[in-house]
Amino acid sequence: MKNLQQLMQVGQELQAKMAELESSLASREVSASSGGGMVTATVDGKGRIKAIRVDPIVVDPRDVEMLEDLILAAVSEAQTKARSEAESQMKGLTGGLPLPQGIPGLF
């Protein structure tokens, strides 16, 4: 019975640390650029877009498609960086133990 209590306590501690990590990720910012820095996207640690910066030089009404591509590339890269950082933090928290996919509220 004592082992079960210890297991429950470890589970509760892990749950508290995961809640801390989730809060920390929400307040973190990750940025990525495309087009040599002409477009920069900033996302939070969960990958939600926080800001887009576009250098006015890249705004050409005759080539909107290029601007769209640059924005998409910057946002995708920022989200990939945020996801990678979150996964790294989670591995550190769980000691590398695999967790089931789809834990509510994470990533």
N, C-alpha and C. Protein backbone atom coordinates (compact mmCIF):
# COMPACT_ATOMS: atom_id res chain seq x y z
N MET A 1 0.83 -1.20 0.00
CA MET A 1 0.00 0.00 0.00
C MET A 1 0.87 1.26 0.00
N LYS A 2 2.03 1.20 0.66
CA LYS A 2 2.92 2.35 0.72
C LYS A 2 3.44 2.71 -0.67
N ASN A 3 3.73 1.69 -1.50
CA ASN A 3 4.20 1.95 -2.86
C ASN A 3 3.15 2.69 -3.68
N LEU A 4 1.90 2.35 -3.49
CA LEU A 4 0.81 3.01 -4.19
C LEU A 4 0.73 4.48 -3.77
N GLN A 5 0.91 4.76 -2.50
CA GLN A 5 0.89 6.13 -2.01
C GLN A 5 2.05 6.92 -2.60
N GLN A 6 3.22 6.30 -2.66
CA GLN A 6 4.38 6.97 -3.25
C GLN A 6 4.14 7.26 -4.72
N LEU A 7 3.56 6.31 -5.42
CA LEU A 7 3.26 6.49 -6.84
C LEU A 7 2.27 7.63 -7.03
N MET A 8 1.26 7.70 -6.19
CA MET A 8 0.27 8.78 -6.26
C MET A 8 0.94 10.13 -6.01
N GLN A 9 1.85 10.17 -5.05
CA GLN A 9 2.53 11.42 -4.72
C GLN A 9 3.41 11.87 -5.89
N VAL A 10 4.12 10.93 -6.49
CA VAL A 10 4.96 11.26 -7.65
C VAL A 10 4.08 11.77 -8.79
N GLY A 11 2.95 11.14 -8.99
CA GLY A 11 2.03 11.57 -10.04
C GLY A 11 1.52 12.99 -9.79
N GLN A 12 1.21 13.30 -8.56
CA GLN A 12 0.73 14.64 -8.22
C GLN A 12 1.84 15.68 -8.41
N GLU A 13 3.06 15.33 -8.04
CA GLU A 13 4.19 16.24 -8.23
C GLU A 13 4.43 16.49 -9.72
N LEU A 14 4.36 15.44 -10.52
CA LEU A 14 4.54 15.58 -11.97
C LEU A 14 3.43 16.45 -12.56
N GLN A 15 2.21 16.25 -12.09
CA GLN A 15 1.09 17.05 -12.58
C GLN A 15 1.31 18.53 -12.25
N ALA A 16 1.79 18.83 -11.06
CA ALA A 16 2.05 20.22 -10.67
C ALA A 16 3.16 20.82 -11.53
N LYS A 17 4.21 20.04 -11.78
CA LYS A 17 5.31 20.53 -12.61
C LYS A 17 4.85 20.75 -14.04
N MET A 18 3.98 19.90 -14.55
CA MET A 18 3.46 20.06 -15.90
C MET A 18 2.61 21.33 -16.00
N ALA A 19 1.83 21.62 -14.97
CA ALA A 19 1.03 22.84 -14.96
C ALA A 19 1.94 24.07 -14.95
N GLU A 20 3.03 24.00 -14.19
CA GLU A 20 4.02 25.09 -14.17
C GLU A 20 4.63 25.29 -15.56
N LEU A 21 5.00 24.18 -16.20
CA LEU A 21 5.59 24.24 -17.53
C LEU A 21 4.62 24.84 -18.53
N GLU A 22 3.37 24.43 -18.46
CA GLU A 22 2.37 24.95 -19.38
C GLU A 22 2.23 26.47 -19.22
N SER A 23 2.21 26.93 -17.98
CA SER A 23 2.13 28.36 -17.72
C SER A 23 3.37 29.08 -18.25
N SER A 24 4.52 28.48 -18.03
CA SER A 24 5.78 29.06 -18.50
C SER A 24 5.80 29.16 -20.02
N LEU A 25 5.31 28.14 -20.70
CA LEU A 25 5.28 28.15 -22.17
C LEU A 25 4.38 29.26 -22.70
N ALA A 26 3.29 29.51 -22.02
CA ALA A 26 2.36 30.55 -22.47
C ALA A 26 3.00 31.93 -22.40
N SER A 27 3.95 32.12 -21.48
CA SER A 27 4.56 33.44 -21.33
C SER A 27 5.86 33.59 -22.12
N ARG A 28 6.35 32.51 -22.70
CA ARG A 28 7.58 32.55 -23.49
C ARG A 28 7.31 33.03 -24.90
N GLU A 29 8.29 33.67 -25.52
CA GLU A 29 8.14 34.09 -26.91
C GLU A 29 9.28 33.54 -27.75
N VAL A 30 8.93 33.08 -28.95
CA VAL A 30 9.90 32.54 -29.90
C VAL A 30 9.67 33.26 -31.22
N SER A 31 10.75 33.70 -31.85
CA SER A 31 10.64 34.42 -33.13
C SER A 31 11.42 33.70 -34.22
N ALA A 32 10.96 33.89 -35.45
CA ALA A 32 11.67 33.37 -36.61
C ALA A 32 11.43 34.34 -37.77
N SER A 33 12.42 34.39 -38.67
CA SER A 33 12.34 35.31 -39.80
C SER A 33 12.41 34.56 -41.11
N SER A 34 11.95 35.24 -42.16
CA SER A 34 12.10 34.71 -43.52
C SER A 34 12.47 35.88 -44.43
N GLY A 35 12.93 35.54 -45.61
CA GLY A 35 13.30 36.58 -46.57
C GLY A 35 14.44 37.44 -46.07
N GLY A 36 15.40 36.81 -45.39
CA GLY A 36 16.55 37.57 -44.90
C GLY A 36 16.17 38.59 -43.84
N GLY A 37 15.13 38.29 -43.07
CA GLY A 37 14.70 39.19 -42.01
C GLY A 37 13.62 40.17 -42.42
N MET A 38 13.12 40.04 -43.64
CA MET A 38 12.09 40.98 -44.10
C MET A 38 10.75 40.74 -43.40
N VAL A 39 10.51 39.49 -42.98
CA VAL A 39 9.29 39.16 -42.24
C VAL A 39 9.70 38.39 -40.99
N THR A 40 9.18 38.83 -39.84
CA THR A 40 9.46 38.15 -38.58
C THR A 40 8.15 37.81 -37.90
N ALA A 41 8.03 36.57 -37.47
CA ALA A 41 6.85 36.12 -36.73
C ALA A 41 7.28 35.79 -35.31
N THR A 42 6.44 36.18 -34.36
CA THR A 42 6.68 35.86 -32.96
C THR A 42 5.48 35.08 -32.45
N VAL A 43 5.77 33.94 -31.80
CA VAL A 43 4.72 33.10 -31.23
C VAL A 43 5.03 32.88 -29.76
N ASP A 44 4.01 32.45 -29.01
CA ASP A 44 4.28 32.09 -27.62
C ASP A 44 4.78 30.65 -27.59
N GLY A 45 5.10 30.16 -26.41
CA GLY A 45 5.66 28.82 -26.28
C GLY A 45 4.72 27.71 -26.70
N LYS A 46 3.46 28.04 -26.89
CA LYS A 46 2.49 27.05 -27.36
C LYS A 46 2.24 27.17 -28.86
N GLY A 47 2.93 28.14 -29.50
CA GLY A 47 2.81 28.29 -30.94
C GLY A 47 1.75 29.27 -31.40
N ARG A 48 1.08 29.94 -30.47
CA ARG A 48 0.06 30.93 -30.86
C ARG A 48 0.75 32.21 -31.33
N ILE A 49 0.32 32.74 -32.46
CA ILE A 49 0.93 33.93 -33.04
C ILE A 49 0.69 35.13 -32.13
N LYS A 50 1.78 35.84 -31.83
CA LYS A 50 1.72 37.03 -31.00
C LYS A 50 1.98 38.29 -31.81
N ALA A 51 2.85 38.21 -32.81
CA ALA A 51 3.18 39.39 -33.60
C ALA A 51 3.75 38.99 -34.96
N ILE A 52 3.51 39.86 -35.93
CA ILE A 52 4.10 39.73 -37.26
C ILE A 52 4.71 41.09 -37.58
N ARG A 53 5.98 41.09 -38.00
CA ARG A 53 6.63 42.34 -38.41
C ARG A 53 7.04 42.19 -39.87
N VAL A 54 6.65 43.17 -40.68
CA VAL A 54 6.94 43.15 -42.11
C VAL A 54 7.73 44.42 -42.45
N ASP A 55 8.89 44.22 -43.04
CA ASP A 55 9.70 45.36 -43.51
C ASP A 55 8.96 45.99 -44.69
N PRO A 56 8.71 47.30 -44.64
CA PRO A 56 7.96 47.95 -45.73
C PRO A 56 8.55 47.72 -47.12
N ILE A 57 9.82 47.44 -47.20
CA ILE A 57 10.44 47.24 -48.51
C ILE A 57 9.87 46.02 -49.24
N VAL A 58 9.35 45.06 -48.49
CA VAL A 58 8.85 43.83 -49.09
C VAL A 58 7.39 43.97 -49.54
N VAL A 59 6.74 45.07 -49.20
CA VAL A 59 5.33 45.26 -49.57
C VAL A 59 5.25 45.79 -51.00
N ASP A 60 4.87 44.91 -51.89
CA ASP A 60 4.74 45.24 -53.31
C ASP A 60 3.35 44.80 -53.75
N PRO A 61 2.45 45.75 -54.03
CA PRO A 61 1.09 45.38 -54.39
C PRO A 61 1.01 44.47 -55.62
N ARG A 62 2.06 44.45 -56.42
CA ARG A 62 2.07 43.59 -57.61
C ARG A 62 2.53 42.17 -57.30
N ASP A 63 3.04 41.96 -56.06
CA ASP A 63 3.54 40.63 -55.71
C ASP A 63 3.11 40.25 -54.29
N VAL A 64 1.82 40.25 -54.07
CA VAL A 64 1.26 39.91 -52.77
C VAL A 64 1.59 38.45 -52.43
N GLU A 65 1.63 37.60 -53.42
CA GLU A 65 1.91 36.18 -53.19
C GLU A 65 3.26 35.97 -52.50
N MET A 66 4.27 36.75 -52.90
CA MET A 66 5.58 36.62 -52.25
C MET A 66 5.48 36.99 -50.77
N LEU A 67 4.78 38.06 -50.46
CA LEU A 67 4.61 38.46 -49.07
C LEU A 67 3.88 37.39 -48.27
N GLU A 68 2.85 36.83 -48.85
CA GLU A 68 2.11 35.75 -48.18
C GLU A 68 3.03 34.56 -47.90
N ASP A 69 3.86 34.20 -48.87
CA ASP A 69 4.80 33.09 -48.69
C ASP A 69 5.81 33.39 -47.58
N LEU A 70 6.31 34.61 -47.54
CA LEU A 70 7.27 34.99 -46.49
C LEU A 70 6.62 34.93 -45.10
N ILE A 71 5.39 35.40 -45.00
CA ILE A 71 4.68 35.36 -43.72
C ILE A 71 4.46 33.92 -43.29
N LEU A 72 3.99 33.10 -44.21
CA LEU A 72 3.75 31.69 -43.90
C LEU A 72 5.03 30.99 -43.45
N ALA A 73 6.13 31.26 -44.15
CA ALA A 73 7.40 30.63 -43.79
C ALA A 73 7.86 31.06 -42.40
N ALA A 74 7.73 32.34 -42.08
CA ALA A 74 8.17 32.84 -40.77
C ALA A 74 7.31 32.26 -39.65
N VAL A 75 6.00 32.23 -39.86
CA VAL A 75 5.08 31.69 -38.84
C VAL A 75 5.35 30.20 -38.64
N SER A 76 5.48 29.47 -39.72
CA SER A 76 5.73 28.02 -39.61
C SER A 76 7.02 27.74 -38.85
N GLU A 77 8.08 28.47 -39.16
CA GLU A 77 9.36 28.26 -38.49
C GLU A 77 9.27 28.62 -37.01
N ALA A 78 8.60 29.71 -36.67
CA ALA A 78 8.45 30.10 -35.27
C ALA A 78 7.66 29.05 -34.51
N GLN A 79 6.61 28.52 -35.11
CA GLN A 79 5.81 27.48 -34.44
C GLN A 79 6.61 26.20 -34.27
N THR A 80 7.41 25.85 -35.26
CA THR A 80 8.26 24.66 -35.16
C THR A 80 9.27 24.82 -34.02
N LYS A 81 9.88 26.00 -33.93
CA LYS A 81 10.83 26.27 -32.84
C LYS A 81 10.15 26.17 -31.48
N ALA A 82 8.95 26.74 -31.36
CA ALA A 82 8.22 26.71 -30.10
C ALA A 82 7.87 25.27 -29.72
N ARG A 83 7.42 24.48 -30.68
CA ARG A 83 7.06 23.09 -30.43
C ARG A 83 8.29 22.29 -29.98
N SER A 84 9.41 22.52 -30.65
CA SER A 84 10.65 21.82 -30.31
C SER A 84 11.10 22.17 -28.89
N GLU A 85 11.01 23.45 -28.56
CA GLU A 85 11.40 23.89 -27.22
C GLU A 85 10.48 23.29 -26.16
N ALA A 86 9.18 23.24 -26.45
CA ALA A 86 8.22 22.66 -25.50
C ALA A 86 8.49 21.18 -25.31
N GLU A 87 8.77 20.47 -26.39
CA GLU A 87 9.05 19.04 -26.29
C GLU A 87 10.33 18.80 -25.49
N SER A 88 11.33 19.63 -25.70
CA SER A 88 12.58 19.51 -24.95
C SER A 88 12.34 19.73 -23.46
N GLN A 89 11.56 20.74 -23.14
CA GLN A 89 11.24 21.03 -21.74
C GLN A 89 10.47 19.86 -21.12
N MET A 90 9.55 19.29 -21.89
CA MET A 90 8.74 18.19 -21.38
C MET A 90 9.61 16.96 -21.12
N LYS A 91 10.56 16.69 -22.03
CA LYS A 91 11.46 15.55 -21.83
C LYS A 91 12.28 15.73 -20.56
N GLY A 92 12.72 16.97 -20.32
CA GLY A 92 13.46 17.24 -19.10
C GLY A 92 12.62 17.03 -17.86
N LEU A 93 11.35 17.38 -17.95
CA LEU A 93 10.44 17.24 -16.83
C LEU A 93 10.12 15.79 -16.52
N THR A 94 9.93 15.00 -17.57
CA THR A 94 9.52 13.61 -17.38
C THR A 94 10.70 12.65 -17.36
N GLY A 95 11.91 13.18 -17.46
CA GLY A 95 13.08 12.32 -17.47
C GLY A 95 13.16 11.46 -18.72
N GLY A 96 12.53 11.92 -19.79
CA GLY A 96 12.58 11.19 -21.04
C GLY A 96 11.53 10.10 -21.17
N LEU A 97 10.68 9.94 -20.15
CA LEU A 97 9.64 8.93 -20.25
C LEU A 97 8.64 9.34 -21.32
N PRO A 98 8.24 8.41 -22.17
CA PRO A 98 7.27 8.77 -23.20
C PRO A 98 5.90 8.98 -22.58
N LEU A 99 5.26 10.08 -22.95
CA LEU A 99 3.91 10.35 -22.49
C LEU A 99 2.95 10.15 -23.65
N PRO A 100 1.73 9.75 -23.36
CA PRO A 100 0.78 9.57 -24.46
C PRO A 100 0.51 10.88 -25.18
N GLN A 101 0.30 10.80 -26.49
CA GLN A 101 -0.02 11.98 -27.29
C GLN A 101 -1.38 12.52 -26.89
N GLY A 102 -1.55 13.81 -27.07
CA GLY A 102 -2.86 14.40 -26.88
C GLY A 102 -3.22 14.72 -25.45
N ILE A 103 -2.24 14.93 -24.60
CA ILE A 103 -2.56 15.32 -23.23
C ILE A 103 -3.21 16.70 -23.32
N PRO A 104 -4.42 16.85 -22.79
CA PRO A 104 -5.13 18.12 -22.94
C PRO A 104 -4.30 19.30 -22.42
N GLY A 105 -4.29 20.38 -23.20
CA GLY A 105 -3.62 21.60 -22.78
C GLY A 105 -2.16 21.69 -23.15
N LEU A 106 -1.57 20.62 -23.59
CA LEU A 106 -0.15 20.64 -23.95
C LEU A 106 0.01 20.68 -25.46
N PHE A 107 0.90 21.54 -25.89
CA PHE A 107 1.27 21.72 -27.30
C PHE A 107 0.03 22.02 -28.09
